[in-house]
Protein backbone atom coordinates (compact mmCIF):
# COMPACT_ATOMS: atom_id res chain seq x y z
CA UNK A 1 117.99 74.65 114.67
CA UNK A 2 115.00 74.41 112.38
CA UNK A 3 114.95 76.97 109.58
CA UNK A 4 112.02 79.29 109.01
CA UNK A 5 109.94 78.78 105.88
CA UNK A 6 109.88 81.12 102.89
CA UNK A 7 107.81 81.09 99.70
CA UNK A 8 109.51 82.70 96.69
CA UNK A 9 107.32 83.66 93.72
CA UNK A 10 109.21 84.56 90.56
CA UNK A 11 108.93 84.74 86.79
CA UNK A 12 109.02 81.48 84.83
CA UNK A 13 111.46 83.07 82.35
CA UNK A 14 114.02 83.42 85.15
CA UNK A 15 114.07 79.63 85.54
CA UNK A 16 115.72 79.53 82.10
CA UNK A 17 118.04 82.50 82.49
CA UNK A 18 118.90 81.86 86.17
CA UNK A 19 119.27 85.65 86.46
CA UNK A 20 117.60 85.79 89.88
CA UNK A 21 119.16 82.64 91.32
CA UNK A 22 121.54 84.82 93.35
CA UNK A 23 118.57 86.03 95.42
CA UNK A 24 117.18 82.55 96.02
CA UNK A 25 120.62 81.41 97.20
CA UNK A 26 120.71 84.28 99.71
CA UNK A 27 117.33 83.20 101.10
CA UNK A 28 118.47 79.57 101.35
CA UNK A 29 121.16 80.56 103.87
CA UNK A 30 118.42 81.29 106.43
CA UNK A 31 115.18 79.72 105.18
CA UNK A 32 113.72 76.52 103.81
CA UNK A 33 112.70 77.92 100.43
CA UNK A 34 109.80 76.77 98.25
CA UNK A 35 109.98 78.26 94.76
CA UNK A 36 106.86 79.11 92.75
CA UNK A 37 106.22 80.70 89.38
CA UNK A 38 103.06 82.42 88.23
CA UNK A 39 101.27 82.14 84.88
CA UNK A 40 99.80 85.61 84.28
CA UNK A 41 97.42 84.43 81.54
CA UNK A 42 95.94 81.56 83.53
CA UNK A 43 96.38 83.30 86.91
CA UNK A 44 97.90 80.07 88.18
CA UNK A 45 100.81 79.26 90.51
CA UNK A 46 103.24 76.44 89.72
CA UNK A 47 105.93 75.27 92.08
CA UNK A 48 107.57 72.92 94.53
CA UNK A 49 104.26 72.02 96.22
CA UNK A 50 100.63 73.10 96.51
CA UNK A 51 100.40 76.69 97.67
CA UNK A 52 98.05 76.12 100.60
CA UNK A 53 99.99 73.33 102.36
CA UNK A 54 102.53 75.35 104.35
CA UNK A 55 102.31 78.39 106.56
CA UNK A 56 105.25 80.59 105.61
CA UNK A 57 107.15 82.95 107.85
CA UNK A 58 107.93 85.09 104.81
CA UNK A 59 106.55 85.39 101.30
CA UNK A 60 108.64 86.98 98.52
CA UNK A 61 107.06 88.37 95.38
CA UNK A 62 109.67 89.12 92.73
CA UNK A 63 108.89 91.47 89.82
CA UNK A 64 105.35 90.36 88.93
CA UNK A 65 102.56 92.64 90.18
CA UNK A 66 100.32 89.86 91.49
CA UNK A 67 97.40 91.17 93.50
CA UNK A 68 97.73 90.86 97.27
CA UNK A 69 94.15 89.57 97.39
CA UNK A 70 95.15 86.57 95.25
CA UNK A 71 98.32 85.99 97.27
CA UNK A 72 96.32 85.86 100.50
CA UNK A 73 93.83 83.46 98.93
CA UNK A 74 96.56 81.04 97.83
CA UNK A 75 99.23 81.37 100.54
CA UNK A 76 99.34 81.47 104.33
CA UNK A 77 102.15 83.82 105.33
CA UNK A 78 103.11 86.12 108.19
CA UNK A 79 105.12 88.82 106.40
CA UNK A 80 105.13 89.71 102.71
CA UNK A 81 107.87 91.45 100.74
CA UNK A 82 107.77 92.72 97.17
CA UNK A 83 110.80 93.23 94.91
CA UNK A 84 109.45 95.54 92.16
CA UNK A 85 111.38 96.33 88.99
CA UNK A 86 111.68 99.93 87.82
CA UNK A 87 111.03 99.07 84.17
CA UNK A 88 107.68 97.52 85.10
CA UNK A 89 106.44 99.74 87.94
CA UNK A 90 108.51 102.93 87.84
CA UNK A 91 105.60 104.94 86.47
CA UNK A 92 102.86 103.12 88.39
CA UNK A 93 100.28 105.24 90.21
CA UNK A 94 99.62 105.52 93.94
CA UNK A 95 96.46 103.50 93.32
CA UNK A 96 98.61 100.60 92.11
CA UNK A 97 100.96 100.73 95.09
CA UNK A 98 98.28 100.98 97.79
CA UNK A 99 97.55 97.23 97.52
CA UNK A 100 101.09 96.54 98.80
CA UNK A 101 100.76 98.77 101.85
CA UNK A 102 101.20 95.81 104.22
CA UNK A 103 104.33 94.57 102.41
CA UNK A 104 107.96 95.48 102.87
CA UNK A 105 109.23 96.71 99.52
CA UNK A 106 112.84 96.02 98.59
CA UNK A 107 114.26 98.01 95.71
CA UNK A 108 117.26 97.50 93.45
CA UNK A 109 116.52 100.94 91.97
CA UNK A 110 117.25 104.02 94.08
CA UNK A 111 114.89 106.09 91.92
CA UNK A 112 111.97 103.80 92.73
CA UNK A 113 113.01 103.61 96.39
CA UNK A 114 112.84 107.42 96.70
CA UNK A 115 109.43 107.51 95.06
CA UNK A 116 108.03 104.91 97.46
CA UNK A 117 109.55 106.65 100.47
CA UNK A 118 107.67 109.79 99.50
CA UNK A 119 104.48 107.75 99.20
CA UNK A 120 104.99 106.52 102.77
CA UNK A 121 105.87 102.88 102.15
CA UNK A 122 108.09 100.56 104.14
CA UNK A 123 110.85 100.46 101.54
CA UNK A 124 114.48 99.37 101.60
CA UNK A 125 117.21 99.89 99.02
CA UNK A 126 120.25 97.85 98.05
CA UNK A 127 122.34 98.11 94.89
CA UNK A 128 123.25 94.83 93.22
CA UNK A 129 126.68 94.29 91.67
CA UNK A 130 127.81 91.23 89.69
CA UNK A 131 131.09 89.46 90.29
CA UNK A 132 133.82 90.94 88.07
CA UNK A 133 134.80 88.68 85.18
CA UNK A 134 138.49 88.16 84.56
CA UNK A 135 139.56 90.30 81.62
CA UNK A 136 141.66 88.61 78.95
CA UNK A 137 141.24 91.40 76.43
CA UNK A 138 139.70 94.90 76.50
CA UNK A 139 138.46 94.29 72.95
CA UNK A 140 138.87 96.15 69.70
CA UNK A 141 138.37 99.90 70.01
CA UNK A 142 136.51 100.10 66.70
CA UNK A 143 134.07 97.27 67.48
CA UNK A 144 130.59 97.37 69.10
CA UNK A 145 128.36 94.65 70.55
CA UNK A 146 124.63 95.42 70.45
CA UNK A 147 121.80 93.13 71.50
CA UNK A 148 118.84 94.26 69.40
CA UNK A 149 116.15 93.03 71.82
CA UNK A 150 113.40 95.55 71.13
CA UNK A 151 112.27 97.82 68.33
CA UNK A 152 112.23 100.79 70.70
CA UNK A 153 116.03 100.79 70.58
CA UNK A 154 117.17 99.27 67.29
CA UNK A 155 120.31 99.58 65.22
CA UNK A 156 118.76 102.16 62.86
CA UNK A 157 117.73 104.37 65.78
CA UNK A 158 121.32 104.19 67.09
CA UNK A 159 123.00 105.27 63.85
CA UNK A 160 124.12 108.70 65.15
CA UNK A 161 125.58 107.16 68.29
CA UNK A 162 127.39 104.46 66.34
CA UNK A 163 128.88 107.15 64.11
CA UNK A 164 130.05 109.18 67.14
CA UNK A 165 131.79 106.09 68.52
CA UNK A 166 134.01 106.05 65.43
CA UNK A 167 133.55 102.34 64.89
CA UNK A 168 134.07 100.01 61.95
CA UNK A 169 132.42 96.80 63.12
CA UNK A 170 129.07 96.03 64.78
CA UNK A 171 128.09 92.64 66.13
CA UNK A 172 124.28 92.43 66.21
CA UNK A 173 122.78 89.87 68.56
CA UNK A 174 119.29 89.50 67.06
CA UNK A 175 117.54 87.51 69.81
CA UNK A 176 114.32 89.53 69.99
CA UNK A 177 112.08 89.68 73.03
CA UNK A 178 108.61 88.05 72.68
CA UNK A 179 106.24 89.93 70.33
CA UNK A 180 109.11 92.00 68.90
CA UNK A 181 109.89 91.90 65.18
CA UNK A 182 113.27 92.34 63.52
CA UNK A 183 113.74 95.65 61.74
CA UNK A 184 115.21 95.97 58.28
CA UNK A 185 118.66 97.49 58.70
CA UNK A 186 119.24 100.79 56.94
CA UNK A 187 121.26 100.51 53.74
CA UNK A 188 123.61 103.26 55.00
CA UNK A 189 124.54 101.10 58.01
CA UNK A 190 125.06 98.02 55.87
CA UNK A 191 127.35 99.95 53.53
CA UNK A 192 129.42 101.81 56.15
CA UNK A 193 130.01 99.12 58.77
CA UNK A 194 131.15 95.52 58.88
CA UNK A 195 128.21 93.60 60.37
CA UNK A 196 128.23 90.19 62.04
CA UNK A 197 125.20 88.45 63.53
CA UNK A 198 124.07 85.94 66.14
CA UNK A 199 120.61 84.80 67.18
CA UNK A 200 121.26 82.69 70.28
CA UNK A 201 124.12 81.20 72.27
CA UNK A 202 124.18 77.72 73.78
CA UNK A 203 126.19 78.91 76.78
CA UNK A 204 126.85 82.19 78.55
CA UNK A 205 130.57 81.75 77.88
CA UNK A 206 129.94 81.82 74.13
CA UNK A 207 128.16 85.16 74.46
CA UNK A 208 130.86 86.54 76.76
CA UNK A 209 133.52 85.63 74.21
CA UNK A 210 131.76 87.69 71.52
CA UNK A 211 131.20 90.63 73.90
CA UNK A 212 134.86 90.49 74.92
CA UNK A 213 135.97 91.00 71.31
CA UNK A 214 134.47 94.52 71.37
CA UNK A 215 135.41 97.43 73.62
CA UNK A 216 131.90 98.95 73.49
CA UNK A 217 128.54 97.49 74.55
CA UNK A 218 125.28 99.28 73.76
CA UNK A 219 122.57 98.54 76.33
CA UNK A 220 119.43 97.16 74.71
CA UNK A 221 116.56 98.57 76.78
CA UNK A 222 114.80 101.85 77.57
CA UNK A 223 114.81 101.11 81.31
CA UNK A 224 115.80 98.22 83.56
CA UNK A 225 114.73 96.54 86.78
CA UNK A 226 118.24 95.49 87.75
CA UNK A 227 119.94 95.36 84.35
CA UNK A 228 121.78 92.05 84.34
CA UNK A 229 122.87 92.24 80.69
CA UNK A 230 124.55 95.66 80.82
CA UNK A 231 125.93 94.98 84.32
CA UNK A 232 127.60 91.82 83.08
CA UNK A 233 129.17 93.87 80.27
CA UNK A 234 130.45 96.37 82.86
CA UNK A 235 131.79 93.45 84.90
CA UNK A 236 133.83 92.53 81.81
CA UNK A 237 135.25 96.04 81.58
CA UNK A 238 133.24 97.08 78.54
CA UNK A 239 132.33 100.71 77.88
CA UNK A 240 128.52 100.69 78.13
CA UNK A 241 126.37 103.18 76.21
CA UNK A 242 122.81 103.46 77.53
CA UNK A 243 119.66 105.56 77.73
CA UNK A 244 119.72 108.05 80.60
CA UNK A 245 117.09 106.13 82.60
CA UNK A 246 117.11 103.87 85.66
CA UNK A 247 118.76 101.62 86.41
CA UNK A 248 121.46 102.42 83.82
CA UNK A 249 121.94 105.97 85.13
CA UNK A 250 122.26 104.62 88.68
CA UNK A 251 125.46 102.80 87.68
CA UNK A 252 126.89 104.77 84.75
CA UNK A 253 128.54 108.15 85.29
CA UNK A 254 128.54 109.84 81.90
CA UNK A 255 132.04 110.05 80.47
CA UNK A 256 133.55 108.20 83.44
CA UNK A 257 132.10 104.68 83.56
CA UNK A 258 130.26 104.78 80.25
CA UNK A 259 128.03 107.08 78.22
CA UNK A 260 124.40 108.13 78.72
CA UNK A 261 122.12 109.64 76.09
CA UNK A 262 118.59 111.04 76.03
CA UNK A 263 116.12 108.77 74.26
CA UNK A 264 114.47 111.68 72.42
CA UNK A 265 117.87 112.86 71.15
CA UNK A 266 120.22 109.87 70.71
CA UNK A 267 123.59 111.60 70.63
CA UNK A 268 126.78 111.32 72.67
CA UNK A 269 129.90 113.46 72.90
CA UNK A 270 133.14 111.57 73.40
CA UNK A 271 135.97 113.47 75.06
CA UNK A 272 137.43 110.60 77.10
CA UNK A 273 139.62 107.71 76.00
CA UNK A 274 137.48 104.56 75.72
CA UNK A 275 140.14 102.36 77.30
CA UNK A 276 140.28 104.67 80.32
CA UNK A 277 136.50 104.36 80.69
CA UNK A 278 136.79 100.57 80.49
CA UNK A 279 139.35 100.50 83.29
CA UNK A 280 137.24 102.90 85.40
CA UNK A 281 134.22 100.68 84.86
CA UNK A 282 135.98 97.48 85.86
CA UNK A 283 137.36 99.05 89.05
CA UNK A 284 133.92 100.49 89.87
CA UNK A 285 132.31 97.06 89.55
CA UNK A 286 135.04 95.46 91.68
CA UNK A 287 134.44 97.95 94.48
CA UNK A 288 130.67 97.68 94.15
CA UNK A 289 130.80 93.88 94.28
CA UNK A 290 132.79 93.99 97.52
CA UNK A 291 130.10 96.23 99.04
CA UNK A 292 127.32 93.99 97.73
CA UNK A 293 128.93 90.91 99.28
CA UNK A 294 129.07 92.69 102.65
CA UNK A 295 125.56 94.16 102.49
CA UNK A 296 123.43 91.53 100.73
CA UNK A 297 122.48 89.59 103.86
CA UNK A 298 120.59 92.64 105.16
CA UNK A 299 117.82 91.41 102.87
CA UNK A 300 117.26 88.47 105.24
CA UNK A 301 116.46 90.88 108.07
CA UNK A 302 114.28 93.13 105.93
CA UNK A 303 111.94 90.34 104.80
CA UNK A 304 111.17 89.52 108.44
CA UNK A 305 110.77 93.08 109.67
CA UNK A 306 107.48 94.26 111.00
CA UNK A 307 106.04 96.61 108.41
CA UNK A 308 106.84 100.22 109.28
CA UNK A 309 104.49 101.70 106.73
CA UNK A 310 103.15 105.16 107.32
CA UNK A 311 100.15 104.32 105.17
CA UNK A 312 98.57 102.33 108.03
CA UNK A 313 97.41 105.79 109.06
CA UNK A 314 94.74 105.41 106.38
CA UNK A 315 93.09 102.67 108.41
CA UNK A 316 93.46 104.39 111.80
CA UNK A 317 92.51 108.07 111.39
CA UNK A 318 92.85 108.66 115.13
CA UNK A 319 96.56 107.88 114.77
CA UNK A 320 96.91 110.83 112.40
CA UNK A 321 95.59 113.17 115.08
CA UNK A 322 97.97 111.72 117.69
CA UNK A 323 101.02 111.77 115.40
CA UNK A 324 100.32 115.29 114.16
CA UNK A 325 100.15 116.57 117.74
CA UNK A 326 103.32 114.66 118.70
CA UNK A 327 105.15 116.23 115.74
CA UNK A 328 104.00 119.69 116.77
CA UNK A 329 105.13 119.21 120.38
CA UNK A 330 108.34 117.15 120.06
CA UNK A 331 109.65 118.53 116.77
CA UNK A 332 108.39 122.05 117.41
CA UNK A 333 107.45 122.49 113.82
CA UNK A 334 104.39 122.45 111.59
CA UNK A 335 103.11 118.92 110.90
CA UNK A 336 102.87 119.46 107.13
CA UNK A 337 106.43 120.79 106.99
CA UNK A 338 107.78 117.78 108.92
CA UNK A 339 105.95 115.13 106.88
CA UNK A 340 106.91 116.74 103.57
CA UNK A 341 110.48 117.90 104.20
CA UNK A 342 111.72 115.40 106.79
CA UNK A 343 109.84 112.17 106.14
CA UNK A 344 109.56 113.06 102.42
CA UNK A 345 105.93 112.11 101.92
CA UNK A 346 104.35 113.22 98.67
CA UNK A 347 102.49 116.57 98.72
CA UNK A 348 99.31 114.69 97.80
CA UNK A 349 99.58 112.47 100.87
CA UNK A 350 100.46 115.34 103.22
CA UNK A 351 97.34 117.23 102.06
CA UNK A 352 95.23 114.12 102.65
CA UNK A 353 96.63 113.59 106.15
CA UNK A 354 96.15 117.24 107.01
CA UNK A 355 92.46 117.06 106.01
CA UNK A 356 91.95 113.99 108.22
CA UNK A 357 93.75 115.69 111.11
CA UNK A 358 91.59 118.84 110.89
CA UNK A 359 88.41 116.77 110.66
CA UNK A 360 89.26 114.82 113.83
CA UNK A 361 90.40 117.97 115.61
CA UNK A 362 87.04 119.67 114.93
CA UNK A 363 85.18 116.67 116.35
CA UNK A 364 87.31 116.62 119.50
CA UNK A 365 86.88 120.35 120.26
C-alpha cells in the first residue's frame, strides 16, 4: 500500500543535534517524509526537493513560527500541524496564534496546551520521555554538572543554590549559545569550589560520562520547549535543579524528582536525601517512557485529523448564533457560562462571541 506524503519543516540546528529525529522516525512509520529546514534570515526553505513539486497529505511545522501565508505560497498540503515550543511561544499573544487557526497544534507542554484550549484552538497534548540510560554510578554527592549556556542563568547567579547543595566540585560546560558571552566567574566561587571545565564534546557518550560523575545536574535554561538536556540527565538518574517554569516544572516534583526554584529568588531548601531523589527520578522516567512508547503513535492520527477549531466561528458568524442557541437548549445553561467553564475559552473570546451572537439575534428579530 502506497504511503501518504508528509513534509516536515524543522530547525537547521536540529540536523546537527539530532534532538528531533525521534519525531521524524515516528512519521516515517506511516508517511513518505520529505525533510526541510528554514533559513529565518533569508526566508528560504532548504530540503530534500523543491517545495512546490509534491502535494502533501500533511505538513508539519516544528518550532519555528513561519507564517502560514508563506507556507501556503511554497507548499501544497491538505492538513497542517504546528509543534510550538513553550520557550519560544509561551507568552505569544492571541494575534500571533490566530494565523494558525486552520492548523492542528500539538504540544509537548501542558501549560501551552491549556492556554491554546482556552483560546479555542484544535490542540493536542503528549508528554515526551527519553529512554532511560543504564546507570553505572549515581555520581559523587558533592559534585555538580552545570552547562552554562546563557547569561540569564550563569554560575555566579547560582551561587546561593550551589551553596545550599553542599557541594565541593562543579563541572562547568562552557558551550555558550549563539550571541551569548562567557561571564567572569566570581572570585568567591573560584576560591570555595574545585572547578573543572569543558567547551565541547565529540560524542554524546563523552558528555554523559562527565554528567554521570556528578549526582546533581543544574538545568541551563529559563524555560524549555521539550527540554532534551535536562530530560537526558533525569534519564541518567541525576537530581535536576531547575527554574520553576515549563517544561521543567511539568516533569520535576519539588523535593521528589528534583528541585525547583523561583528565578527572582534563586534559593532551594533541601530536606530530602539526594540519592533518594535520584532513584525516584530514574523510576519516574522509566514509567514515563513506557507510557510514551504506547502513546506516541497517536501523533500520526492527530496530524491527519480534520481541524476541530472553534475559531472558525470568526469566519462564519451565523454559526455563533446557531451554536449559542443549541447550547441554551441542549445544555440548559447560559451560553457564556458553557463556553467559559466547560469548553474553557478565554474570557476575551467569550465576550467577543457573545457580542456577535447578540448582533445576529437583533437582526433576526
